[in-house]
Amino acid sequence: MSHEGVVARTILFDNEVKRLLEKYPDAVCVNIGCGFDDRFSRVDNGKVRWYNVDLPDSIELRKKVFEERDREFMTAGDLTGTDWTEGIPNEGVTII
């Protein structure tokens, strides 16, 4: 049941992100604790700027598997601080 639950949750999250990107097509999305999640490839609308954020060791490992794309970036940082936010644009951003 765990596998099916993960698949169902992934579909629900993907559909919700797609719905939000219809409303905010030029969004800046921050995927906190991204791990090996590749949601960007499933929901990309051709405009969104996507930031995958995780701990430095996780991002280091992620970079061995995934490459950054034109609008998809990997940011290493500890979420207990604020340094990781410095590379993420905040002008005109609506937090949902």
PDB file of N, CA and C in Angstrom:
ATOM      1  N   MET A   1       0.813  -1.203   0.000  1.00  0.00           N
ATOM      2  CA  MET A   1       0.000   0.000   0.000  1.00  0.00           C
ATOM      3  C   MET A   1       0.859   1.272   0.000  1.00  0.00           C
ATOM      4  N   SER A   2       2.056   1.201   0.534  1.00  0.00           N
ATOM      5  CA  SER A   2       2.890   2.385   0.615  1.00  0.00           C
ATOM      6  C   SER A   2       3.218   2.924  -0.780  1.00  0.00           C
ATOM      7  N   HIS A   3       3.578   2.049  -1.696  1.00  0.00           N
ATOM      8  CA  HIS A   3       3.909   2.464  -3.063  1.00  0.00           C
ATOM      9  C   HIS A   3       2.723   3.156  -3.720  1.00  0.00           C
ATOM     10  N   GLU A   4       1.552   2.565  -3.585  1.00  0.00           N
ATOM     11  CA  GLU A   4       0.351   3.146  -4.180  1.00  0.00           C
ATOM     12  C   GLU A   4       0.019   4.498  -3.549  1.00  0.00           C
ATOM     13  N   GLY A   5       0.267   4.613  -2.254  1.00  0.00           N
ATOM     14  CA  GLY A   5       0.040   5.878  -1.570  1.00  0.00           C
ATOM     15  C   GLY A   5       0.966   6.970  -2.082  1.00  0.00           C
ATOM     16  N   VAL A   6       2.220   6.622  -2.319  1.00  0.00           N
ATOM     17  CA  VAL A   6       3.186   7.594  -2.852  1.00  0.00           C
ATOM     18  C   VAL A   6       2.755   8.040  -4.239  1.00  0.00           C
ATOM     19  N   VAL A   7       2.337   7.102  -5.066  1.00  0.00           N
ATOM     20  CA  VAL A   7       1.896   7.435  -6.422  1.00  0.00           C
ATOM     21  C   VAL A   7       0.671   8.344  -6.364  1.00  0.00           C
ATOM     22  N   ALA A   8      -0.297   7.994  -5.538  1.00  0.00           N
ATOM     23  CA  ALA A   8      -1.518   8.804  -5.418  1.00  0.00           C
ATOM     24  C   ALA A   8      -1.195  10.208  -4.925  1.00  0.00           C
ATOM     25  N   ARG A   9      -0.331  10.320  -3.917  1.00  0.00           N
ATOM     26  CA  ARG A   9       0.034  11.636  -3.371  1.00  0.00           C
ATOM     27  C   ARG A   9       0.775  12.462  -4.427  1.00  0.00           C
ATOM     28  N   THR A  10       1.646  11.824  -5.192  1.00  0.00           N
ATOM     29  CA  THR A  10       2.383  12.519  -6.248  1.00  0.00           C
ATOM     30  C   THR A  10       1.426  13.088  -7.289  1.00  0.00           C
ATOM     31  N   ILE A  11       0.455  12.291  -7.692  1.00  0.00           N
ATOM     32  CA  ILE A  11      -0.537  12.759  -8.675  1.00  0.00           C
ATOM     33  C   ILE A  11      -1.324  13.940  -8.114  1.00  0.00           C
ATOM     34  N   LEU A  12      -1.735  13.854  -6.861  1.00  0.00           N
ATOM     35  CA  LEU A  12      -2.491  14.952  -6.240  1.00  0.00           C
ATOM     36  C   LEU A  12      -1.662  16.233  -6.176  1.00  0.00           C
ATOM     37  N   PHE A  13      -0.403  16.119  -5.733  1.00  0.00           N
ATOM     38  CA  PHE A  13       0.465  17.298  -5.648  1.00  0.00           C
ATOM     39  C   PHE A  13       0.732  17.886  -7.032  1.00  0.00           C
ATOM     40  N   ASP A  14       1.018  17.020  -8.007  1.00  0.00           N
ATOM     41  CA  ASP A  14       1.274  17.499  -9.371  1.00  0.00           C
ATOM     42  C   ASP A  14       0.060  18.259  -9.902  1.00  0.00           C
ATOM     43  N   ASN A  15      -1.128  17.709  -9.700  1.00  0.00           N
ATOM     44  CA  ASN A  15      -2.341  18.370 -10.185  1.00  0.00           C
ATOM     45  C   ASN A  15      -2.552  19.718  -9.500  1.00  0.00           C
ATOM     46  N   GLU A  16      -2.256  19.796  -8.205  1.00  0.00           N
ATOM     47  CA  GLU A  16      -2.415  21.060  -7.481  1.00  0.00           C
ATOM     48  C   GLU A  16      -1.414  22.098  -7.976  1.00  0.00           C
ATOM     49  N   VAL A  17      -0.176  21.693  -8.201  1.00  0.00           N
ATOM     50  CA  VAL A  17       0.835  22.627  -8.714  1.00  0.00           C
ATOM     51  C   VAL A  17       0.434  23.094 -10.109  1.00  0.00           C
ATOM     52  N   LYS A  18      -0.041  22.198 -10.962  1.00  0.00           N
ATOM     53  CA  LYS A  18      -0.488  22.592 -12.303  1.00  0.00           C
ATOM     54  C   LYS A  18      -1.624  23.606 -12.215  1.00  0.00           C
ATOM     55  N   ARG A  19      -2.556  23.384 -11.288  1.00  0.00           N
ATOM     56  CA  ARG A  19      -3.669  24.307 -11.101  1.00  0.00           C
ATOM     57  C   ARG A  19      -3.162  25.691 -10.687  1.00  0.00           C
ATOM     58  N   LEU A  20      -2.206  25.716  -9.766  1.00  0.00           N
ATOM     59  CA  LEU A  20      -1.648  26.995  -9.323  1.00  0.00           C
ATOM     60  C   LEU A  20      -0.873  27.677 -10.450  1.00  0.00           C
ATOM     61  N   LEU A  21      -0.176  26.898 -11.278  1.00  0.00           N
ATOM     62  CA  LEU A  21       0.573  27.490 -12.385  1.00  0.00           C
ATOM     63  C   LEU A  21      -0.349  28.018 -13.480  1.00  0.00           C
ATOM     64  N   GLU A  22      -1.557  27.507 -13.566  1.00  0.00           N
ATOM     65  CA  GLU A  22      -2.538  28.090 -14.487  1.00  0.00           C
ATOM     66  C   GLU A  22      -2.934  29.478 -13.986  1.00  0.00           C
ATOM     67  N   LYS A  23      -3.047  29.627 -12.682  1.00  0.00           N
ATOM     68  CA  LYS A  23      -3.424  30.904 -12.084  1.00  0.00           C
ATOM     69  C   LYS A  23      -2.250  31.878 -12.037  1.00  0.00           C
ATOM     70  N   TYR A  24      -1.039  31.355 -11.775  1.00  0.00           N
ATOM     71  CA  TYR A  24       0.182  32.166 -11.665  1.00  0.00           C
ATOM     72  C   TYR A  24       1.243  31.599 -12.619  1.00  0.00           C
ATOM     73  N   PRO A  25       1.101  31.813 -13.924  1.00  0.00           N
ATOM     74  CA  PRO A  25       1.987  31.151 -14.893  1.00  0.00           C
ATOM     75  C   PRO A  25       3.464  31.548 -14.790  1.00  0.00           C
ATOM     76  N   ASP A  26       3.758  32.740 -14.308  1.00  0.00           N
ATOM     77  CA  ASP A  26       5.147  33.199 -14.189  1.00  0.00           C
ATOM     78  C   ASP A  26       5.686  33.016 -12.779  1.00  0.00           C
ATOM     79  N   ALA A  27       5.193  32.040 -12.072  1.00  0.00           N
ATOM     80  CA  ALA A  27       5.528  31.841 -10.661  1.00  0.00           C
ATOM     81  C   ALA A  27       6.996  31.495 -10.451  1.00  0.00           C
ATOM     82  N   VAL A  28       7.436  31.767  -9.241  1.00  0.00           N
ATOM     83  CA  VAL A  28       8.708  31.265  -8.733  1.00  0.00           C
ATOM     84  C   VAL A  28       8.329  30.201  -7.711  1.00  0.00           C
ATOM     85  N   CYS A  29       8.657  28.945  -8.003  1.00  0.00           N
ATOM     86  CA  CYS A  29       8.326  27.840  -7.103  1.00  0.00           C
ATOM     87  C   CYS A  29       9.572  27.401  -6.357  1.00  0.00           C
ATOM     88  N   VAL A  30       9.410  27.197  -5.064  1.00  0.00           N
ATOM     89  CA  VAL A  30      10.507  26.732  -4.223  1.00  0.00           C
ATOM     90  C   VAL A  30      10.109  25.368  -3.672  1.00  0.00           C
ATOM     91  N   ASN A  31      10.835  24.347  -4.102  1.00  0.00           N
ATOM     92  CA  ASN A  31      10.588  22.964  -3.686  1.00  0.00           C
ATOM     93  C   ASN A  31      11.516  22.662  -2.513  1.00  0.00           C
ATOM     94  N   ILE A  32      11.016  22.881  -1.313  1.00  0.00           N
ATOM     95  CA  ILE A  32      11.829  22.730  -0.102  1.00  0.00           C
ATOM     96  C   ILE A  32      11.926  21.261   0.287  1.00  0.00           C
ATOM     97  N   GLY A  33      13.161  20.804   0.531  1.00  0.00           N
ATOM     98  CA  GLY A  33      13.395  19.400   0.868  1.00  0.00           C
ATOM     99  C   GLY A  33      13.167  18.515  -0.342  1.00  0.00           C
ATOM    100  N   CYS A  34      13.694  18.935  -1.489  1.00  0.00           N
ATOM    101  CA  CYS A  34      13.397  18.294  -2.773  1.00  0.00           C
ATOM    102  C   CYS A  34      13.896  16.861  -2.901  1.00  0.00           C
ATOM    103  N   GLY A  35      15.006  16.526  -2.250  1.00  0.00           N
ATOM    104  CA  GLY A  35      15.548  15.172  -2.420  1.00  0.00           C
ATOM    105  C   GLY A  35      15.738  14.858  -3.893  1.00  0.00           C
ATOM    106  N   PHE A  36      15.175  13.734  -4.357  1.00  0.00           N
ATOM    107  CA  PHE A  36      15.261  13.356  -5.766  1.00  0.00           C
ATOM    108  C   PHE A  36      13.959  13.636  -6.512  1.00  0.00           C
ATOM    109  N   ASP A  37      13.109  14.475  -5.944  1.00  0.00           N
ATOM    110  CA  ASP A  37      11.854  14.827  -6.596  1.00  0.00           C
ATOM    111  C   ASP A  37      12.124  15.521  -7.928  1.00  0.00           C
ATOM    112  N   ASP A  38      11.390  15.136  -8.958  1.00  0.00           N
ATOM    113  CA  ASP A  38      11.542  15.744 -10.282  1.00  0.00           C
ATOM    114  C   ASP A  38      10.212  16.324 -10.763  1.00  0.00           C
ATOM    115  N   ARG A  39       9.480  16.925  -9.847  1.00  0.00           N
ATOM    116  CA  ARG A  39       8.162  17.479 -10.175  1.00  0.00           C
ATOM    117  C   ARG A  39       8.236  18.491 -11.310  1.00  0.00           C
ATOM    118  N   PHE A  40       9.303  19.268 -11.371  1.00  0.00           N
ATOM    119  CA  PHE A  40       9.430  20.288 -12.421  1.00  0.00           C
ATOM    120  C   PHE A  40       9.186  19.685 -13.801  1.00  0.00           C
ATOM    121  N   SER A  41       9.755  18.518 -14.077  1.00  0.00           N
ATOM    122  CA  SER A  41       9.609  17.922 -15.407  1.00  0.00           C
ATOM    123  C   SER A  41       8.167  17.515 -15.700  1.00  0.00           C
ATOM    124  N   ARG A  42       7.367  17.332 -14.659  1.00  0.00           N
ATOM    125  CA  ARG A  42       5.985  16.910 -14.852  1.00  0.00           C
ATOM    126  C   ARG A  42       5.009  18.086 -14.901  1.00  0.00           C
ATOM    127  N   VAL A  43       5.378  19.231 -14.340  1.00  0.00           N
ATOM    128  CA  VAL A  43       4.433  20.348 -14.254  1.00  0.00           C
ATOM    129  C   VAL A  43       4.892  21.599 -15.014  1.00  0.00           C
ATOM    130  N   ASP A  44       6.061  21.571 -15.602  1.00  0.00           N
ATOM    131  CA  ASP A  44       6.611  22.756 -16.267  1.00  0.00           C
ATOM    132  C   ASP A  44       5.636  23.316 -17.300  1.00  0.00           C
ATOM    133  N   ASN A  45       5.359  24.605 -17.190  1.00  0.00           N
ATOM    134  CA  ASN A  45       4.449  25.277 -18.117  1.00  0.00           C
ATOM    135  C   ASN A  45       5.193  26.153 -19.124  1.00  0.00           C
ATOM    136  N   GLY A  46       6.519  26.072 -19.116  1.00  0.00           N
ATOM    137  CA  GLY A  46       7.315  26.862 -20.047  1.00  0.00           C
ATOM    138  C   GLY A  46       7.660  28.253 -19.536  1.00  0.00           C
ATOM    139  N   LYS A  47       7.169  28.613 -18.343  1.00  0.00           N
ATOM    140  CA  LYS A  47       7.419  29.951 -17.790  1.00  0.00           C
ATOM    141  C   LYS A  47       7.919  29.934 -16.350  1.00  0.00           C
ATOM    142  N   VAL A  48       7.509  28.946 -15.585  1.00  0.00           N
ATOM    143  CA  VAL A  48       7.825  28.892 -14.156  1.00  0.00           C
ATOM    144  C   VAL A  48       9.337  28.863 -13.930  1.00  0.00           C
ATOM    145  N   ARG A  49       9.775  29.538 -12.874  1.00  0.00           N
ATOM    146  CA  ARG A  49      11.169  29.420 -12.412  1.00  0.00           C
ATOM    147  C   ARG A  49      11.125  28.565 -11.157  1.00  0.00           C
ATOM    148  N   TRP A  50      11.898  27.484 -11.153  1.00  0.00           N
ATOM    149  CA  TRP A  50      11.779  26.432 -10.141  1.00  0.00           C
ATOM    150  C   TRP A  50      13.091  26.294  -9.381  1.00  0.00           C
ATOM    151  N   TYR A  51      13.011  26.335  -8.056  1.00  0.00           N
ATOM    152  CA  TYR A  51      14.191  26.211  -7.198  1.00  0.00           C
ATOM    153  C   TYR A  51      14.040  24.980  -6.315  1.00  0.00           C
ATOM    154  N   ASN A  52      14.912  24.002  -6.526  1.00  0.00           N
ATOM    155  CA  ASN A  52      14.965  22.807  -5.679  1.00  0.00           C
ATOM    156  C   ASN A  52      15.931  23.094  -4.539  1.00  0.00           C
ATOM    157  N   VAL A  53      15.442  23.039  -3.316  1.00  0.00           N
ATOM    158  CA  VAL A  53      16.245  23.387  -2.143  1.00  0.00           C
ATOM    159  C   VAL A  53      16.337  22.182  -1.217  1.00  0.00           C
ATOM    160  N   ASP A  54      17.549  21.884  -0.774  1.00  0.00           N
ATOM    161  CA  ASP A  54      17.751  20.817   0.209  1.00  0.00           C
ATOM    162  C   ASP A  54      19.090  21.043   0.891  1.00  0.00           C
ATOM    163  N   LEU A  55      19.386  20.205   1.856  1.00  0.00           N
ATOM    164  CA  LEU A  55      20.659  20.294   2.566  1.00  0.00           C
ATOM    165  C   LEU A  55      21.822  20.106   1.601  1.00  0.00           C
ATOM    166  N   PRO A  56      22.985  20.687   1.910  1.00  0.00           N
ATOM    167  CA  PRO A  56      24.125  20.624   0.993  1.00  0.00           C
ATOM    168  C   PRO A  56      24.493  19.210   0.529  1.00  0.00           C
ATOM    169  N   ASP A  57      24.496  18.226   1.428  1.00  0.00           N
ATOM    170  CA  ASP A  57      24.863  16.876   1.001  1.00  0.00           C
ATOM    171  C   ASP A  57      23.828  16.283   0.055  1.00  0.00           C
ATOM    172  N   SER A  58      22.563  16.616   0.256  1.00  0.00           N
ATOM    173  CA  SER A  58      21.506  16.137  -0.646  1.00  0.00           C
ATOM    174  C   SER A  58      21.616  16.787  -2.023  1.00  0.00           C
ATOM    175  N   ILE A  59      21.890  18.080  -2.064  1.00  0.00           N
ATOM    176  CA  ILE A  59      22.042  18.775  -3.345  1.00  0.00           C
ATOM    177  C   ILE A  59      23.281  18.263  -4.075  1.00  0.00           C
ATOM    178  N   GLU A  60      24.358  18.011  -3.346  1.00  0.00           N
ATOM    179  CA  GLU A  60      25.572  17.466  -3.964  1.00  0.00           C
ATOM    180  C   GLU A  60      25.268  16.134  -4.649  1.00  0.00           C
ATOM    181  N   LEU A  61      24.529  15.279  -3.980  1.00  0.00           N
ATOM    182  CA  LEU A  61      24.139  13.994  -4.554  1.00  0.00           C
ATOM    183  C   LEU A  61      23.166  14.185  -5.713  1.00  0.00           C
ATOM    184  N   ARG A  62      22.222  15.102  -5.554  1.00  0.00           N
ATOM    185  CA  ARG A  62      21.245  15.378  -6.612  1.00  0.00           C
ATOM    186  C   ARG A  62      21.935  15.825  -7.895  1.00  0.00           C
ATOM    187  N   LYS A  63      22.977  16.647  -7.769  1.00  0.00           N
ATOM    188  CA  LYS A  63      23.692  17.153  -8.937  1.00  0.00           C
ATOM    189  C   LYS A  63      24.409  16.049  -9.709  1.00  0.00           C
ATOM    190  N   LYS A  64      24.609  14.907  -9.091  1.00  0.00           N
ATOM    191  CA  LYS A  64      25.209  13.763  -9.794  1.00  0.00           C
ATOM    192  C   LYS A  64      24.180  13.054 -10.666  1.00  0.00           C
ATOM    193  N   VAL A  65      22.909  13.281 -10.377  1.00  0.00           N
ATOM    194  CA  VAL A  65      21.829  12.595 -11.095  1.00  0.00           C
ATOM    195  C   VAL A  65      21.091  13.546 -12.048  1.00  0.00           C
ATOM    196  N   PHE A  66      20.847  14.787 -11.601  1.00  0.00           N
ATOM    197  CA  PHE A  66      20.082  15.763 -12.381  1.00  0.00           C
ATOM    198  C   PHE A  66      20.979  16.919 -12.789  1.00  0.00           C
ATOM    199  N   GLU A  67      20.648  17.524 -13.928  1.00  0.00           N
ATOM    200  CA  GLU A  67      21.323  18.751 -14.352  1.00  0.00           C
ATOM    201  C   GLU A  67      20.341  19.917 -14.205  1.00  0.00           C
ATOM    202  N   GLU A  68      20.881  21.090 -13.923  1.00  0.00           N
ATOM    203  CA  GLU A  68      20.030  22.267 -13.899  1.00  0.00           C
ATOM    204  C   GLU A  68      19.574  22.568 -15.321  1.00  0.00           C
ATOM    205  N   ARG A  69      18.404  23.163 -15.425  1.00  0.00           N
ATOM    206  CA  ARG A  69      17.857  23.553 -16.726  1.00  0.00           C
ATOM    207  C   ARG A  69      17.731  25.072 -16.752  1.00  0.00           C
ATOM    208  N   ASP A  70      17.260  25.596 -17.871  1.00  0.00           N
ATOM    209  CA  ASP A  70      17.163  27.054 -18.017  1.00  0.00           C
ATOM    210  C   ASP A  70      16.388  27.727 -16.892  1.00  0.00           C
ATOM    211  N   ARG A  71      15.328  27.103 -16.426  1.00  0.00           N
ATOM    212  CA  ARG A  71      14.482  27.699 -15.390  1.00  0.00           C
ATOM    213  C   ARG A  71      14.367  26.823 -14.159  1.00  0.00           C
ATOM    214  N   GLU A  72      15.254  25.861 -14.028  1.00  0.00           N
ATOM    215  CA  GLU A  72      15.249  24.983 -12.847  1.00  0.00           C
ATOM    216  C   GLU A  72      16.631  25.011 -12.211  1.00  0.00           C
ATOM    217  N   PHE A  73      16.665  25.295 -10.913  1.00  0.00           N
ATOM    218  CA  PHE A  73      17.930  25.498 -10.220  1.00  0.00           C
ATOM    219  C   PHE A  73      17.992  24.650  -8.957  1.00  0.00           C
ATOM    220  N   MET A  74      19.208  24.364  -8.507  1.00  0.00           N
ATOM    221  CA  MET A  74      19.413  23.630  -7.262  1.00  0.00           C
ATOM    222  C   MET A  74      20.116  24.547  -6.270  1.00  0.00           C
ATOM    223  N   THR A  75      19.559  24.633  -5.084  1.00  0.00           N
ATOM    224  CA  THR A  75      20.094  25.508  -4.050  1.00  0.00           C
ATOM    225  C   THR A  75      20.326  24.701  -2.781  1.00  0.00           C
ATOM    226  N   ALA A  76      21.563  24.737  -2.303  1.00  0.00           N
ATOM    227  CA  ALA A  76      21.895  24.049  -1.054  1.00  0.00           C
ATOM    228  C   ALA A  76      21.721  25.018   0.107  1.00  0.00           C
ATOM    229  N   GLY A  77      21.141  24.534   1.180  1.00  0.00           N
ATOM    230  CA  GLY A  77      21.000  25.392   2.345  1.00  0.00           C
ATOM    231  C   GLY A  77      20.309  24.689   3.489  1.00  0.00           C
ATOM    232  N   ASP A  78      20.531  25.240   4.653  1.00  0.00           N
ATOM    233  CA  ASP A  78      19.894  24.762   5.872  1.00  0.00           C
ATOM    234  C   ASP A  78      18.691  25.656   6.129  1.00  0.00           C
ATOM    235  N   LEU A  79      17.519  25.078   6.171  1.00  0.00           N
ATOM    236  CA  LEU A  79      16.293  25.867   6.286  1.00  0.00           C
ATOM    237  C   LEU A  79      16.129  26.562   7.629  1.00  0.00           C
ATOM    238  N   THR A  80      16.994  26.240   8.600  1.00  0.00           N
ATOM    239  CA  THR A  80      16.910  26.943   9.877  1.00  0.00           C
ATOM    240  C   THR A  80      17.520  28.336   9.780  1.00  0.00           C
ATOM    241  N   GLY A  81      18.245  28.590   8.686  1.00  0.00           N
ATOM    242  CA  GLY A  81      18.806  29.912   8.431  1.00  0.00           C
ATOM    243  C   GLY A  81      18.121  30.544   7.236  1.00  0.00           C
ATOM    244  N   THR A  82      18.622  31.695   6.805  1.00  0.00           N
ATOM    245  CA  THR A  82      18.015  32.383   5.669  1.00  0.00           C
ATOM    246  C   THR A  82      18.961  32.538   4.484  1.00  0.00           C
ATOM    247  N   ASP A  83      20.211  32.102   4.619  1.00  0.00           N
ATOM    248  CA  ASP A  83      21.186  32.276   3.545  1.00  0.00           C
ATOM    249  C   ASP A  83      20.727  31.642   2.234  1.00  0.00           C
ATOM    250  N   TRP A  84      20.014  30.522   2.321  1.00  0.00           N
ATOM    251  CA  TRP A  84      19.597  29.813   1.115  1.00  0.00           C
ATOM    252  C   TRP A  84      18.623  30.626   0.262  1.00  0.00           C
ATOM    253  N   THR A  85      18.000  31.648   0.829  1.00  0.00           N
ATOM    254  CA  THR A  85      17.021  32.439   0.082  1.00  0.00           C
ATOM    255  C   THR A  85      17.664  33.507  -0.798  1.00  0.00           C
ATOM    256  N   GLU A  86      18.949  33.763  -0.609  1.00  0.00           N
ATOM    257  CA  GLU A  86      19.606  34.872  -1.308  1.00  0.00           C
ATOM    258  C   GLU A  86      19.586  34.738  -2.825  1.00  0.00           C
ATOM    259  N   GLY A  87      19.628  33.536  -3.359  1.00  0.00           N
ATOM    260  CA  GLY A  87      19.632  33.358  -4.807  1.00  0.00           C
ATOM    261  C   GLY A  87      18.253  33.220  -5.424  1.00  0.00           C
ATOM    262  N   ILE A  88      17.222  33.355  -4.619  1.00  0.00           N
ATOM    263  CA  ILE A  88      15.860  33.182  -5.112  1.00  0.00           C
ATOM    264  C   ILE A  88      15.210  34.549  -5.263  1.00  0.00           C
ATOM    265  N   PRO A  89      14.729  34.867  -6.478  1.00  0.00           N
ATOM    266  CA  PRO A  89      14.118  36.187  -6.674  1.00  0.00           C
ATOM    267  C   PRO A  89      12.875  36.370  -5.834  1.00  0.00           C
ATOM    268  N   ASN A  90      12.671  37.594  -5.348  1.00  0.00           N
ATOM    269  CA  ASN A  90      11.486  37.847  -4.528  1.00  0.00           C
ATOM    270  C   ASN A  90      10.659  39.033  -4.998  1.00  0.00           C
ATOM    271  N   GLU A  91      11.055  39.640  -6.116  1.00  0.00           N
ATOM    272  CA  GLU A  91      10.260  40.756  -6.611  1.00  0.00           C
ATOM    273  C   GLU A  91       8.972  40.232  -7.243  1.00  0.00           C
ATOM    274  N   GLY A  92       7.876  40.810  -6.840  1.00  0.00           N
ATOM    275  CA  GLY A  92       6.579  40.439  -7.394  1.00  0.00           C
ATOM    276  C   GLY A  92       6.134  39.024  -7.032  1.00  0.00           C
ATOM    277  N   VAL A  93       6.660  38.476  -5.952  1.00  0.00           N
ATOM    278  CA  VAL A  93       6.350  37.109  -5.570  1.00  0.00           C
ATOM    279  C   VAL A  93       5.127  37.072  -4.672  1.00  0.00           C
ATOM    280  N   THR A  94       4.207  36.176  -4.973  1.00  0.00           N
ATOM    281  CA  THR A  94       3.052  35.923  -4.134  1.00  0.00           C
ATOM    282  C   THR A  94       3.264  34.591  -3.446  1.00  0.00           C
ATOM    283  N   ILE A  95       3.238  34.562  -2.137  1.00  0.00           N
ATOM    284  CA  ILE A  95       3.426  33.312  -1.389  1.00  0.00           C
ATOM    285  C   ILE A  95       2.071  32.657  -1.229  1.00  0.00           C
ATOM    286  N   ILE A  96       2.021  31.395  -1.648  1.00  0.00           N
ATOM    287  CA  ILE A  96       0.756  30.656  -1.603  1.00  0.00           C
ATOM    288  C   ILE A  96       0.853  29.563  -0.560  1.00  0.00           C
TER     289      ILE A  96
END
